[in-house]
Protein backbone atom coordinates (compact mmCIF):
# COMPACT_ATOMS: atom_id res chain seq x y z
CA UNK A 1 -0.41 -0.16 0.61
CA UNK A 2 1.21 3.89 -0.54
CA UNK A 3 0.67 6.19 1.77
CA UNK A 4 2.08 10.09 1.58
CA UNK A 5 2.32 12.71 4.12
CA UNK A 6 0.22 15.47 3.45
CA UNK A 7 1.90 17.91 5.71
CA UNK A 8 4.94 17.72 3.38
CA UNK A 9 2.45 19.03 0.85
CA UNK A 10 -0.23 21.14 2.47
CA UNK A 11 0.44 24.60 3.92
CA UNK A 12 0.51 24.36 7.77
CA UNK A 13 -2.69 26.27 8.00
CA UNK A 14 -4.54 23.14 6.49
CA UNK A 15 -1.89 20.78 8.86
CA UNK A 16 -4.55 18.52 10.88
CA UNK A 17 -7.15 18.73 8.90
CA UNK A 18 -9.91 15.68 8.19
CA UNK A 19 -9.44 14.21 4.61
CA UNK A 20 -12.80 15.57 3.33
CA UNK A 21 -12.01 19.07 4.46
CA UNK A 22 -8.52 18.27 2.42
CA UNK A 23 -10.34 16.72 -0.30
CA UNK A 24 -12.11 20.16 -0.05
CA UNK A 25 -9.69 22.48 0.07
CA UNK A 26 -9.17 25.26 -2.33
CA UNK A 27 -5.97 24.49 -4.36
CA UNK A 28 -4.38 27.51 -2.79
CA UNK A 29 -3.95 24.92 0.63
CA UNK A 30 -0.95 23.16 -1.45
CA UNK A 31 1.93 24.26 -0.10
CA UNK A 32 3.71 26.82 -2.51
CA UNK A 33 0.94 27.76 -4.06
CA UNK A 34 -0.30 30.87 -3.00
CA UNK A 35 -4.20 32.20 -3.15
CA UNK A 36 -3.44 34.12 -6.16
CA UNK A 37 -2.31 32.01 -8.51
CA UNK A 38 -5.05 29.46 -7.35
CA UNK A 39 -7.02 32.70 -8.64
CA UNK A 40 -5.31 32.04 -11.84
CA UNK A 41 -5.77 28.53 -12.56
CA UNK A 42 -9.35 29.23 -12.97
CA UNK A 43 -12.00 26.65 -13.26
CA UNK A 44 -9.22 24.25 -10.90
CA UNK A 45 -10.86 25.72 -7.49
CA UNK A 46 -10.34 22.38 -5.67
CA UNK A 47 -7.95 19.93 -5.04
CA UNK A 48 -9.94 17.17 -5.77
CA UNK A 49 -13.29 17.58 -8.17
CA UNK A 50 -16.21 16.77 -5.74
CA UNK A 51 -17.29 13.13 -6.24
CA UNK A 52 -13.25 11.73 -6.11
């Protein structure tokens, strides 16, 4: 089985959040992507689309 340490890919503000919260998070929740960068990505509003 594969695992990932989400704290390595998420901003500190998202550390400790539940998986459903992370899946619904905006792209800006990813480490290294600012809120402004997330806005520029346009239709990519969340890390994972609804229903994943």
